[in-house]
Amino acid sequence: LVYRTYQGLTPWPGIATANGLKLKEISLDATTGSYRHGEILEIAKERIRVGCGTGSLWIERVQPSGKSQMTASSYLHGKRLSVGDLLV
């Protein structure tokens, strides 16, 4: 559902999390598997894998409210989030 919403609303107006974090570039990873919504499953060099209830997404780029775009992994390092934490 999140990925389909992203496809429908990109490039404008785009989608954002409940805390205002805009998701700029995402891709579908898996359509199976049961995860907590927003759970950080993996942190790669430039992107992160996040659970979506059923399935998961790769998030490549994000834009915090009032800031410039950055890689998702850079955002996590700044917020001191790690695998198992919730992105939202």
PDB file of N, CA and C in Angstrom:
ATOM      1  N   LEU A   1       0.815  -1.193   0.000  1.00  0.00           N
ATOM      2  CA  LEU A   1       0.000   0.000   0.000  1.00  0.00           C
ATOM      3  C   LEU A   1       0.863   1.264   0.000  1.00  0.00           C
ATOM      4  N   VAL A   2       1.931   1.288   0.797  1.00  0.00           N
ATOM      5  CA  VAL A   2       2.811   2.463   0.842  1.00  0.00           C
ATOM      6  C   VAL A   2       3.463   2.673  -0.516  1.00  0.00           C
ATOM      7  N   TYR A   3       3.941   1.585  -1.137  1.00  0.00           N
ATOM      8  CA  TYR A   3       4.612   1.709  -2.429  1.00  0.00           C
ATOM      9  C   TYR A   3       3.642   2.183  -3.509  1.00  0.00           C
ATOM     10  N   ARG A   4       2.428   1.683  -3.496  1.00  0.00           N
ATOM     11  CA  ARG A   4       1.439   2.122  -4.492  1.00  0.00           C
ATOM     12  C   ARG A   4       1.090   3.587  -4.294  1.00  0.00           C
ATOM     13  N   THR A   5       0.984   4.023  -3.063  1.00  0.00           N
ATOM     14  CA  THR A   5       0.733   5.437  -2.777  1.00  0.00           C
ATOM     15  C   THR A   5       1.884   6.283  -3.288  1.00  0.00           C
ATOM     16  N   TYR A   6       3.111   5.822  -3.054  1.00  0.00           N
ATOM     17  CA  TYR A   6       4.307   6.526  -3.539  1.00  0.00           C
ATOM     18  C   TYR A   6       4.263   6.666  -5.062  1.00  0.00           C
ATOM     19  N   GLN A   7       3.931   5.574  -5.756  1.00  0.00           N
ATOM     20  CA  GLN A   7       3.867   5.623  -7.218  1.00  0.00           C
ATOM     21  C   GLN A   7       2.813   6.618  -7.695  1.00  0.00           C
ATOM     22  N   GLY A   8       1.688   6.669  -7.020  1.00  0.00           N
ATOM     23  CA  GLY A   8       0.606   7.548  -7.431  1.00  0.00           C
ATOM     24  C   GLY A   8       0.843   9.015  -7.113  1.00  0.00           C
ATOM     25  N   LEU A   9       1.632   9.307  -6.105  1.00  0.00           N
ATOM     26  CA  LEU A   9       1.822  10.697  -5.676  1.00  0.00           C
ATOM     27  C   LEU A   9       3.203  11.262  -5.988  1.00  0.00           C
ATOM     28  N   THR A  10       3.996  10.546  -6.775  1.00  0.00           N
ATOM     29  CA  THR A  10       5.327  11.033  -7.139  1.00  0.00           C
ATOM     30  C   THR A  10       5.289  11.511  -8.580  1.00  0.00           C
ATOM     31  N   PRO A  11       5.834  12.627  -8.964  1.00  0.00           N
ATOM     32  CA  PRO A  11       6.724  13.448  -8.172  1.00  0.00           C
ATOM     33  C   PRO A  11       6.016  14.453  -7.275  1.00  0.00           C
ATOM     34  N   TRP A  12       4.756  14.745  -7.516  1.00  0.00           N
ATOM     35  CA  TRP A  12       4.080  15.735  -6.698  1.00  0.00           C
ATOM     36  C   TRP A  12       2.745  15.178  -6.260  1.00  0.00           C
ATOM     37  N   PRO A  13       2.324  15.324  -5.063  1.00  0.00           N
ATOM     38  CA  PRO A  13       2.915  16.050  -3.946  1.00  0.00           C
ATOM     39  C   PRO A  13       3.912  15.225  -3.145  1.00  0.00           C
ATOM     40  N   GLY A  14       4.040  13.923  -3.440  1.00  0.00           N
ATOM     41  CA  GLY A  14       4.960  13.072  -2.693  1.00  0.00           C
ATOM     42  C   GLY A  14       4.286  12.524  -1.438  1.00  0.00           C
ATOM     43  N   ILE A  15       5.003  11.677  -0.705  1.00  0.00           N
ATOM     44  CA  ILE A  15       4.451  11.120   0.531  1.00  0.00           C
ATOM     45  C   ILE A  15       5.389  11.412   1.693  1.00  0.00           C
ATOM     46  N   ALA A  16       4.828  11.403   2.881  1.00  0.00           N
ATOM     47  CA  ALA A  16       5.609  11.692   4.083  1.00  0.00           C
ATOM     48  C   ALA A  16       5.131  10.794   5.214  1.00  0.00           C
ATOM     49  N   THR A  17       6.001  10.593   6.195  1.00  0.00           N
ATOM     50  CA  THR A  17       5.646   9.824   7.383  1.00  0.00           C
ATOM     51  C   THR A  17       4.854  10.714   8.335  1.00  0.00           C
ATOM     52  N   ALA A  18       4.363  10.139   9.407  1.00  0.00           N
ATOM     53  CA  ALA A  18       3.580  10.893  10.388  1.00  0.00           C
ATOM     54  C   ALA A  18       4.385  12.026  11.029  1.00  0.00           C
ATOM     55  N   ASN A  19       5.718  11.867  11.110  1.00  0.00           N
ATOM     56  CA  ASN A  19       6.545  12.910  11.725  1.00  0.00           C
ATOM     57  C   ASN A  19       7.077  13.919  10.703  1.00  0.00           C
ATOM     58  N   GLY A  20       6.560  13.891   9.451  1.00  0.00           N
ATOM     59  CA  GLY A  20       6.927  14.886   8.443  1.00  0.00           C
ATOM     60  C   GLY A  20       8.121  14.538   7.581  1.00  0.00           C
ATOM     61  N   LEU A  21       8.671  13.350   7.712  1.00  0.00           N
ATOM     62  CA  LEU A  21       9.805  12.927   6.896  1.00  0.00           C
ATOM     63  C   LEU A  21       9.312  12.549   5.510  1.00  0.00           C
ATOM     64  N   LYS A  22       9.761  13.276   4.485  1.00  0.00           N
ATOM     65  CA  LYS A  22       9.343  12.993   3.112  1.00  0.00           C
ATOM     66  C   LYS A  22      10.173  11.845   2.556  1.00  0.00           C
ATOM     67  N   LEU A  23       9.501  10.893   1.931  1.00  0.00           N
ATOM     68  CA  LEU A  23      10.168   9.764   1.285  1.00  0.00           C
ATOM     69  C   LEU A  23      10.346  10.121  -0.185  1.00  0.00           C
ATOM     70  N   LYS A  24      11.575  10.377  -0.599  1.00  0.00           N
ATOM     71  CA  LYS A  24      11.854  10.867  -1.938  1.00  0.00           C
ATOM     72  C   LYS A  24      12.100   9.753  -2.948  1.00  0.00           C
ATOM     73  N   GLU A  25      12.816   8.708  -2.562  1.00  0.00           N
ATOM     74  CA  GLU A  25      13.093   7.581  -3.465  1.00  0.00           C
ATOM     75  C   GLU A  25      12.929   6.285  -2.694  1.00  0.00           C
ATOM     76  N   ILE A  26      11.971   5.461  -3.118  1.00  0.00           N
ATOM     77  CA  ILE A  26      11.781   4.157  -2.494  1.00  0.00           C
ATOM     78  C   ILE A  26      11.578   3.111  -3.576  1.00  0.00           C
ATOM     79  N   SER A  27      11.830   1.855  -3.225  1.00  0.00           N
ATOM     80  CA  SER A  27      11.578   0.752  -4.144  1.00  0.00           C
ATOM     81  C   SER A  27      11.055  -0.432  -3.351  1.00  0.00           C
ATOM     82  N   LEU A  28      10.286  -1.264  -4.010  1.00  0.00           N
ATOM     83  CA  LEU A  28       9.685  -2.428  -3.378  1.00  0.00           C
ATOM     84  C   LEU A  28      10.745  -3.509  -3.200  1.00  0.00           C
ATOM     85  N   ASP A  29      10.832  -4.070  -2.007  1.00  0.00           N
ATOM     86  CA  ASP A  29      11.785  -5.150  -1.741  1.00  0.00           C
ATOM     87  C   ASP A  29      11.076  -6.489  -1.772  1.00  0.00           C
ATOM     88  N   ALA A  30      10.076  -6.671  -0.941  1.00  0.00           N
ATOM     89  CA  ALA A  30       9.367  -7.941  -0.860  1.00  0.00           C
ATOM     90  C   ALA A  30       7.896  -7.685  -0.599  1.00  0.00           C
ATOM     91  N   THR A  31       7.054  -8.569  -1.123  1.00  0.00           N
ATOM     92  CA  THR A  31       5.619  -8.444  -0.891  1.00  0.00           C
ATOM     93  C   THR A  31       5.143  -9.462   0.140  1.00  0.00           C
ATOM     94  N   THR A  32       6.065 -10.249   0.668  1.00  0.00           N
ATOM     95  CA  THR A  32       5.715 -11.232   1.694  1.00  0.00           C
ATOM     96  C   THR A  32       6.530 -10.964   2.946  1.00  0.00           C
ATOM     97  N   GLY A  33       6.159 -11.608   4.004  1.00  0.00           N
ATOM     98  CA  GLY A  33       6.838 -11.400   5.284  1.00  0.00           C
ATOM     99  C   GLY A  33       6.000 -10.504   6.163  1.00  0.00           C
ATOM    100  N   SER A  34       6.048 -10.729   7.450  1.00  0.00           N
ATOM    101  CA  SER A  34       5.264  -9.952   8.400  1.00  0.00           C
ATOM    102  C   SER A  34       6.202  -9.156   9.295  1.00  0.00           C
ATOM    103  N   TYR A  35       6.063  -7.833   9.283  1.00  0.00           N
ATOM    104  CA  TYR A  35       6.937  -6.939  10.038  1.00  0.00           C
ATOM    105  C   TYR A  35       6.099  -5.874  10.733  1.00  0.00           C
ATOM    106  N   ARG A  36       6.702  -5.199  11.712  1.00  0.00           N
ATOM    107  CA  ARG A  36       6.059  -4.027  12.314  1.00  0.00           C
ATOM    108  C   ARG A  36       6.147  -2.879  11.316  1.00  0.00           C
ATOM    109  N   HIS A  37       5.097  -2.073  11.230  1.00  0.00           N
ATOM    110  CA  HIS A  37       5.099  -0.915  10.329  1.00  0.00           C
ATOM    111  C   HIS A  37       6.212   0.048  10.731  1.00  0.00           C
ATOM    112  N   GLY A  38       7.100   0.367   9.794  1.00  0.00           N
ATOM    113  CA  GLY A  38       8.163   1.325  10.048  1.00  0.00           C
ATOM    114  C   GLY A  38       9.396   0.769  10.730  1.00  0.00           C
ATOM    115  N   GLU A  39       9.438  -0.534  10.970  1.00  0.00           N
ATOM    116  CA  GLU A  39      10.615  -1.133  11.636  1.00  0.00           C
ATOM    117  C   GLU A  39      11.812  -1.146  10.683  1.00  0.00           C
ATOM    118  N   ILE A  40      12.949  -0.688  11.162  1.00  0.00           N
ATOM    119  CA  ILE A  40      14.172  -0.696  10.364  1.00  0.00           C
ATOM    120  C   ILE A  40      14.724  -2.114  10.382  1.00  0.00           C
ATOM    121  N   LEU A  41      14.774  -2.737   9.197  1.00  0.00           N
ATOM    122  CA  LEU A  41      15.194  -4.130   9.082  1.00  0.00           C
ATOM    123  C   LEU A  41      16.662  -4.270   8.701  1.00  0.00           C
ATOM    124  N   GLU A  42      17.167  -3.317   7.944  1.00  0.00           N
ATOM    125  CA  GLU A  42      18.555  -3.398   7.462  1.00  0.00           C
ATOM    126  C   GLU A  42      19.040  -2.006   7.098  1.00  0.00           C
ATOM    127  N   ILE A  43      20.311  -1.754   7.377  1.00  0.00           N
ATOM    128  CA  ILE A  43      20.932  -0.489   6.994  1.00  0.00           C
ATOM    129  C   ILE A  43      22.079  -0.818   6.050  1.00  0.00           C
ATOM    130  N   ALA A  44      21.958  -0.378   4.805  1.00  0.00           N
ATOM    131  CA  ALA A  44      23.005  -0.576   3.809  1.00  0.00           C
ATOM    132  C   ALA A  44      23.788   0.734   3.676  1.00  0.00           C
ATOM    133  N   LYS A  45      24.743   0.756   2.765  1.00  0.00           N
ATOM    134  CA  LYS A  45      25.601   1.930   2.627  1.00  0.00           C
ATOM    135  C   LYS A  45      24.814   3.202   2.301  1.00  0.00           C
ATOM    136  N   GLU A  46      23.893   3.128   1.351  1.00  0.00           N
ATOM    137  CA  GLU A  46      23.166   4.316   0.915  1.00  0.00           C
ATOM    138  C   GLU A  46      21.664   4.245   1.166  1.00  0.00           C
ATOM    139  N   ARG A  47      21.157   3.113   1.615  1.00  0.00           N
ATOM    140  CA  ARG A  47      19.717   2.949   1.755  1.00  0.00           C
ATOM    141  C   ARG A  47      19.383   2.089   2.961  1.00  0.00           C
ATOM    142  N   ILE A  48      18.089   2.054   3.289  1.00  0.00           N
ATOM    143  CA  ILE A  48      17.636   1.247   4.422  1.00  0.00           C
ATOM    144  C   ILE A  48      16.441   0.411   3.986  1.00  0.00           C
ATOM    145  N   ARG A  49      16.254  -0.719   4.651  1.00  0.00           N
ATOM    146  CA  ARG A  49      15.088  -1.571   4.389  1.00  0.00           C
ATOM    147  C   ARG A  49      14.158  -1.447   5.584  1.00  0.00           C
ATOM    148  N   VAL A  50      12.879  -1.163   5.289  1.00  0.00           N
ATOM    149  CA  VAL A  50      11.888  -0.891   6.326  1.00  0.00           C
ATOM    150  C   VAL A  50      10.691  -1.814   6.139  1.00  0.00           C
ATOM    151  N   GLY A  51      10.184  -2.357   7.247  1.00  0.00           N
ATOM    152  CA  GLY A  51       9.018  -3.227   7.217  1.00  0.00           C
ATOM    153  C   GLY A  51       7.725  -2.446   7.024  1.00  0.00           C
ATOM    154  N   CYS A  52       6.768  -3.094   6.366  1.00  0.00           N
ATOM    155  CA  CYS A  52       5.485  -2.441   6.058  1.00  0.00           C
ATOM    156  C   CYS A  52       4.295  -3.303   6.446  1.00  0.00           C
ATOM    157  N   GLY A  53       4.353  -3.991   7.541  1.00  0.00           N
ATOM    158  CA  GLY A  53       3.264  -4.899   7.899  1.00  0.00           C
ATOM    159  C   GLY A  53       3.403  -6.178   7.114  1.00  0.00           C
ATOM    160  N   THR A  54       3.023  -6.158   5.844  1.00  0.00           N
ATOM    161  CA  THR A  54       3.250  -7.270   4.927  1.00  0.00           C
ATOM    162  C   THR A  54       4.219  -6.791   3.867  1.00  0.00           C
ATOM    163  N   GLY A  55       5.424  -7.334   3.856  1.00  0.00           N
ATOM    164  CA  GLY A  55       6.442  -6.932   2.896  1.00  0.00           C
ATOM    165  C   GLY A  55       7.373  -5.866   3.444  1.00  0.00           C
ATOM    166  N   SER A  56       8.268  -5.411   2.579  1.00  0.00           N
ATOM    167  CA  SER A  56       9.236  -4.392   2.992  1.00  0.00           C
ATOM    168  C   SER A  56       9.619  -3.504   1.814  1.00  0.00           C
ATOM    169  N   LEU A  57      10.186  -2.343   2.135  1.00  0.00           N
ATOM    170  CA  LEU A  57      10.613  -1.353   1.150  1.00  0.00           C
ATOM    171  C   LEU A  57      12.070  -0.987   1.361  1.00  0.00           C
ATOM    172  N   TRP A  58      12.740  -0.634   0.289  1.00  0.00           N
ATOM    173  CA  TRP A  58      14.045   0.018   0.377  1.00  0.00           C
ATOM    174  C   TRP A  58      13.797   1.508   0.272  1.00  0.00           C
ATOM    175  N   ILE A  59      14.333   2.270   1.187  1.00  0.00           N
ATOM    176  CA  ILE A  59      14.239   3.733   1.136  1.00  0.00           C
ATOM    177  C   ILE A  59      15.633   4.256   0.843  1.00  0.00           C
ATOM    178  N   GLU A  60      15.771   4.944  -0.307  1.00  0.00           N
ATOM    179  CA  GLU A  60      17.076   5.460  -0.719  1.00  0.00           C
ATOM    180  C   GLU A  60      17.316   6.890  -0.257  1.00  0.00           C
ATOM    181  N   ARG A  61      16.326   7.774  -0.476  1.00  0.00           N
ATOM    182  CA  ARG A  61      16.502   9.190  -0.144  1.00  0.00           C
ATOM    183  C   ARG A  61      15.297   9.701   0.627  1.00  0.00           C
ATOM    184  N   VAL A  62      15.576  10.561   1.598  1.00  0.00           N
ATOM    185  CA  VAL A  62      14.537  11.192   2.414  1.00  0.00           C
ATOM    186  C   VAL A  62      14.804  12.684   2.508  1.00  0.00           C
ATOM    187  N   GLN A  63      13.794  13.434   2.974  1.00  0.00           N
ATOM    188  CA  GLN A  63      13.965  14.862   3.207  1.00  0.00           C
ATOM    189  C   GLN A  63      13.256  15.232   4.499  1.00  0.00           C
ATOM    190  N   PRO A  64      14.030  15.488   5.557  1.00  0.00           N
ATOM    191  CA  PRO A  64      13.407  15.947   6.806  1.00  0.00           C
ATOM    192  C   PRO A  64      12.756  17.314   6.606  1.00  0.00           C
ATOM    193  N   SER A  65      11.766  17.622   7.389  1.00  0.00           N
ATOM    194  CA  SER A  65      11.060  18.890   7.300  1.00  0.00           C
ATOM    195  C   SER A  65      12.036  20.064   7.448  1.00  0.00           C
ATOM    196  N   GLY A  66      12.031  20.954   6.457  1.00  0.00           N
ATOM    197  CA  GLY A  66      12.878  22.143   6.496  1.00  0.00           C
ATOM    198  C   GLY A  66      14.336  21.900   6.172  1.00  0.00           C
ATOM    199  N   LYS A  67      14.683  20.712   5.686  1.00  0.00           N
ATOM    200  CA  LYS A  67      16.088  20.377   5.381  1.00  0.00           C
ATOM    201  C   LYS A  67      16.214  19.911   3.941  1.00  0.00           C
ATOM    202  N   SER A  68      17.452  19.712   3.502  1.00  0.00           N
ATOM    203  CA  SER A  68      17.730  19.205   2.166  1.00  0.00           C
ATOM    204  C   SER A  68      17.587  17.688   2.122  1.00  0.00           C
ATOM    205  N   GLN A  69      17.451  17.158   0.910  1.00  0.00           N
ATOM    206  CA  GLN A  69      17.403  15.712   0.738  1.00  0.00           C
ATOM    207  C   GLN A  69      18.726  15.089   1.160  1.00  0.00           C
ATOM    208  N   MET A  70      18.653  13.828   1.624  1.00  0.00           N
ATOM    209  CA  MET A  70      19.859  13.098   2.011  1.00  0.00           C
ATOM    210  C   MET A  70      19.595  11.608   1.855  1.00  0.00           C
ATOM    211  N   THR A  71      20.654  10.814   1.929  1.00  0.00           N
ATOM    212  CA  THR A  71      20.458   9.376   1.889  1.00  0.00           C
ATOM    213  C   THR A  71      19.764   8.938   3.171  1.00  0.00           C
ATOM    214  N   ALA A  72      19.011   7.870   3.067  1.00  0.00           N
ATOM    215  CA  ALA A  72      18.287   7.369   4.235  1.00  0.00           C
ATOM    216  C   ALA A  72      19.245   6.925   5.335  1.00  0.00           C
ATOM    217  N   SER A  73      20.370   6.337   4.954  1.00  0.00           N
ATOM    218  CA  SER A  73      21.323   5.893   5.974  1.00  0.00           C
ATOM    219  C   SER A  73      21.937   7.083   6.706  1.00  0.00           C
ATOM    220  N   SER A  74      22.193   8.195   6.016  1.00  0.00           N
ATOM    221  CA  SER A  74      22.705   9.401   6.679  1.00  0.00           C
ATOM    222  C   SER A  74      21.689   9.939   7.680  1.00  0.00           C
ATOM    223  N   TYR A  75      20.417   9.908   7.317  1.00  0.00           N
ATOM    224  CA  TYR A  75      19.361  10.351   8.221  1.00  0.00           C
ATOM    225  C   TYR A  75      19.358   9.505   9.492  1.00  0.00           C
ATOM    226  N   LEU A  76      19.471   8.183   9.339  1.00  0.00           N
ATOM    227  CA  LEU A  76      19.464   7.297  10.507  1.00  0.00           C
ATOM    228  C   LEU A  76      20.650   7.554  11.418  1.00  0.00           C
ATOM    229  N   HIS A  77      21.825   7.772  10.822  1.00  0.00           N
ATOM    230  CA  HIS A  77      23.011   8.034  11.640  1.00  0.00           C
ATOM    231  C   HIS A  77      22.845   9.325  12.433  1.00  0.00           C
ATOM    232  N   GLY A  78      22.254  10.350  11.813  1.00  0.00           N
ATOM    233  CA  GLY A  78      22.019  11.609  12.516  1.00  0.00           C
ATOM    234  C   GLY A  78      21.014  11.478  13.649  1.00  0.00           C
ATOM    235  N   LYS A  79      20.019  10.636  13.464  1.00  0.00           N
ATOM    236  CA  LYS A  79      18.988  10.414  14.484  1.00  0.00           C
ATOM    237  C   LYS A  79      19.367   9.318  15.471  1.00  0.00           C
ATOM    238  N   ARG A  80      20.492   8.666  15.220  1.00  0.00           N
ATOM    239  CA  ARG A  80      20.986   7.557  16.065  1.00  0.00           C
ATOM    240  C   ARG A  80      19.988   6.405  16.149  1.00  0.00           C
ATOM    241  N   LEU A  81      19.403   6.084  14.998  1.00  0.00           N
ATOM    242  CA  LEU A  81      18.499   4.957  14.897  1.00  0.00           C
ATOM    243  C   LEU A  81      19.272   3.755  14.369  1.00  0.00           C
ATOM    244  N   SER A  82      18.858   2.563  14.744  1.00  0.00           N
ATOM    245  CA  SER A  82      19.534   1.355  14.274  1.00  0.00           C
ATOM    246  C   SER A  82      18.497   0.290  13.948  1.00  0.00           C
ATOM    247  N   VAL A  83      18.967  -0.876  13.508  1.00  0.00           N
ATOM    248  CA  VAL A  83      18.094  -1.988  13.159  1.00  0.00           C
ATOM    249  C   VAL A  83      17.231  -2.333  14.360  1.00  0.00           C
ATOM    250  N   GLY A  84      15.937  -2.492  14.115  1.00  0.00           N
ATOM    251  CA  GLY A  84      14.983  -2.800  15.175  1.00  0.00           C
ATOM    252  C   GLY A  84      14.216  -1.599  15.672  1.00  0.00           C
ATOM    253  N   ASP A  85      14.753  -0.387  15.459  1.00  0.00           N
ATOM    254  CA  ASP A  85      14.038   0.838  15.842  1.00  0.00           C
ATOM    255  C   ASP A  85      12.941   1.125  14.826  1.00  0.00           C
ATOM    256  N   LEU A  86      12.038   2.027  15.174  1.00  0.00           N
ATOM    257  CA  LEU A  86      10.979   2.440  14.261  1.00  0.00           C
ATOM    258  C   LEU A  86      11.347   3.751  13.596  1.00  0.00           C
ATOM    259  N   LEU A  87      11.188   3.800  12.264  1.00  0.00           N
ATOM    260  CA  LEU A  87      11.489   5.013  11.507  1.00  0.00           C
ATOM    261  C   LEU A  87      10.447   6.082  11.784  1.00  0.00           C
ATOM    262  N   VAL A  88       9.209   5.669  11.999  1.00  0.00           N
ATOM    263  CA  VAL A  88       8.100   6.631  12.201  1.00  0.00           C
ATOM    264  C   VAL A  88       7.641   6.616  13.642  1.00  0.00           C
TER     265      VAL A  88
END
